């Protein structure tokens, strides 16, 4: 048997539970899925999927103009009705 090493990671409980449900349906233990991800990182020499910021969307409230902020507040108010 190959030697193994431990990895400890903190994740949001909801994300962990959702991932466990999907992996259970696939018949893949969480530790195997993490190993698959790490192998892909090695093969790709980076993250094995594209990472990018959303286009045309402010990343924080501080990036909004006053008009954009008011429009977002208005959207929230009308959506709640």
C-alpha atoms as a PDB file:
ATOM      1  CA  UNK A   1       0.000   0.000   0.000  1.00  0.00           C
ATOM      2  CA  UNK A   2       1.240   3.479  -0.854  1.00  0.00           C
ATOM      3  CA  UNK A   3       2.202   5.827   1.942  1.00  0.00           C
ATOM      4  CA  UNK A   4      -0.260   8.595   2.592  1.00  0.00           C
ATOM      5  CA  UNK A   5      -0.149  12.017   4.181  1.00  0.00           C
ATOM      6  CA  UNK A   6      -2.870  13.844   6.071  1.00  0.00           C
ATOM      7  CA  UNK A   7      -4.468  17.090   4.938  1.00  0.00           C
ATOM      8  CA  UNK A   8      -6.651  19.170   7.240  1.00  0.00           C
ATOM      9  CA  UNK A   9      -8.960  21.729   5.653  1.00  0.00           C
ATOM     10  CA  UNK A  10     -11.763  23.908   6.940  1.00  0.00           C
ATOM     11  CA  UNK A  11     -14.805  24.222   4.708  1.00  0.00           C
ATOM     12  CA  UNK A  12     -18.300  25.545   5.201  1.00  0.00           C
ATOM     13  CA  UNK A  13     -20.534  22.776   6.610  1.00  0.00           C
ATOM     14  CA  UNK A  14     -23.160  23.246   3.881  1.00  0.00           C
ATOM     15  CA  UNK A  15     -20.579  22.886   1.109  1.00  0.00           C
ATOM     16  CA  UNK A  16     -19.153  19.755   2.737  1.00  0.00           C
ATOM     17  CA  UNK A  17     -22.612  18.193   3.090  1.00  0.00           C
ATOM     18  CA  UNK A  18     -23.552  18.997  -0.519  1.00  0.00           C
ATOM     19  CA  UNK A  19     -20.266  17.581  -1.795  1.00  0.00           C
ATOM     20  CA  UNK A  20     -20.691  14.435   0.311  1.00  0.00           C
ATOM     21  CA  UNK A  21     -24.150  13.842  -1.196  1.00  0.00           C
ATOM     22  CA  UNK A  22     -22.823  14.196  -4.747  1.00  0.00           C
ATOM     23  CA  UNK A  23     -19.768  12.052  -4.087  1.00  0.00           C
ATOM     24  CA  UNK A  24     -21.896   9.386  -2.413  1.00  0.00           C
ATOM     25  CA  UNK A  25     -24.020   9.149  -5.564  1.00  0.00           C
ATOM     26  CA  UNK A  26     -20.816   8.779  -7.583  1.00  0.00           C
ATOM     27  CA  UNK A  27     -19.468   6.167  -5.183  1.00  0.00           C
ATOM     28  CA  UNK A  28     -16.329   8.216  -4.493  1.00  0.00           C
ATOM     29  CA  UNK A  29     -15.113   8.777  -0.925  1.00  0.00           C
ATOM     30  CA  UNK A  30     -14.244  12.378  -0.041  1.00  0.00           C
ATOM     31  CA  UNK A  31     -10.566  11.495   0.460  1.00  0.00           C
ATOM     32  CA  UNK A  32     -10.403   9.991  -3.053  1.00  0.00           C
ATOM     33  CA  UNK A  33     -12.062  13.084  -4.544  1.00  0.00           C
ATOM     34  CA  UNK A  34      -9.516  15.321  -2.846  1.00  0.00           C
ATOM     35  CA  UNK A  35      -6.718  13.073  -4.135  1.00  0.00           C
ATOM     36  CA  UNK A  36      -8.160  13.316  -7.673  1.00  0.00           C
ATOM     37  CA  UNK A  37      -8.221  17.096  -7.412  1.00  0.00           C
ATOM     38  CA  UNK A  38      -4.604  17.229  -6.222  1.00  0.00           C
ATOM     39  CA  UNK A  39      -3.475  14.902  -9.033  1.00  0.00           C
ATOM     40  CA  UNK A  40      -5.143  17.231 -11.533  1.00  0.00           C
ATOM     41  CA  UNK A  41      -3.368  20.225  -9.961  1.00  0.00           C
ATOM     42  CA  UNK A  42      -0.067  18.423 -10.548  1.00  0.00           C
ATOM     43  CA  UNK A  43      -0.947  17.412 -14.131  1.00  0.00           C
ATOM     44  CA  UNK A  44      -2.177  20.900 -15.058  1.00  0.00           C
ATOM     45  CA  UNK A  45       0.527  22.609 -13.047  1.00  0.00           C
ATOM     46  CA  UNK A  46      -2.217  24.794 -11.610  1.00  0.00           C
ATOM     47  CA  UNK A  47      -5.900  24.795 -10.762  1.00  0.00           C
ATOM     48  CA  UNK A  48      -7.616  22.349 -13.155  1.00  0.00           C
ATOM     49  CA  UNK A  49     -10.437  24.730 -14.039  1.00  0.00           C
ATOM     50  CA  UNK A  50     -10.772  28.362 -15.044  1.00  0.00           C
ATOM     51  CA  UNK A  51     -10.911  30.955 -12.274  1.00  0.00           C
ATOM     52  CA  UNK A  52     -12.159  34.397 -13.175  1.00  0.00           C
ATOM     53  CA  UNK A  53     -14.089  37.269 -11.690  1.00  0.00           C
ATOM     54  CA  UNK A  54     -17.650  37.940 -12.858  1.00  0.00           C
ATOM     55  CA  UNK A  55     -17.842  40.513 -15.616  1.00  0.00           C
ATOM     56  CA  UNK A  56     -19.504  43.879 -15.126  1.00  0.00           C
ATOM     57  CA  UNK A  57     -20.389  43.175 -11.510  1.00  0.00           C
ATOM     58  CA  UNK A  58     -19.002  45.175  -8.603  1.00  0.00           C
ATOM     59  CA  UNK A  59     -17.093  43.057  -6.105  1.00  0.00           C
ATOM     60  CA  UNK A  60     -18.143  45.043  -3.018  1.00  0.00           C
ATOM     61  CA  UNK A  61     -20.560  47.727  -1.918  1.00  0.00           C
ATOM     62  CA  UNK A  62     -17.682  50.200  -1.811  1.00  0.00           C
ATOM     63  CA  UNK A  63     -17.250  49.820  -5.584  1.00  0.00           C
ATOM     64  CA  UNK A  64     -20.831  50.920  -6.321  1.00  0.00           C
ATOM     65  CA  UNK A  65     -21.715  54.426  -7.354  1.00  0.00           C
ATOM     66  CA  UNK A  66     -24.521  56.030  -5.374  1.00  0.00           C
ATOM     67  CA  UNK A  67     -26.891  55.384  -8.285  1.00  0.00           C
ATOM     68  CA  UNK A  68     -25.867  51.709  -8.513  1.00  0.00           C
ATOM     69  CA  UNK A  69     -26.246  51.303  -4.752  1.00  0.00           C
ATOM     70  CA  UNK A  70     -29.744  52.835  -4.808  1.00  0.00           C
ATOM     71  CA  UNK A  71     -30.735  50.640  -7.754  1.00  0.00           C
ATOM     72  CA  UNK A  72     -29.579  47.507  -5.894  1.00  0.00           C
ATOM     73  CA  UNK A  73     -31.510  48.531  -2.783  1.00  0.00           C
ATOM     74  CA  UNK A  74     -34.592  49.150  -4.910  1.00  0.00           C
ATOM     75  CA  UNK A  75     -34.242  45.705  -6.516  1.00  0.00           C
ATOM     76  CA  UNK A  76     -34.117  44.130  -3.080  1.00  0.00           C
ATOM     77  CA  UNK A  77     -37.147  46.031  -1.876  1.00  0.00           C
ATOM     78  CA  UNK A  78     -39.263  45.150  -4.905  1.00  0.00           C
ATOM     79  CA  UNK A  79     -38.157  41.490  -4.850  1.00  0.00           C
ATOM     80  CA  UNK A  80     -39.391  41.158  -1.280  1.00  0.00           C
ATOM     81  CA  UNK A  81     -42.891  42.324  -2.201  1.00  0.00           C
END
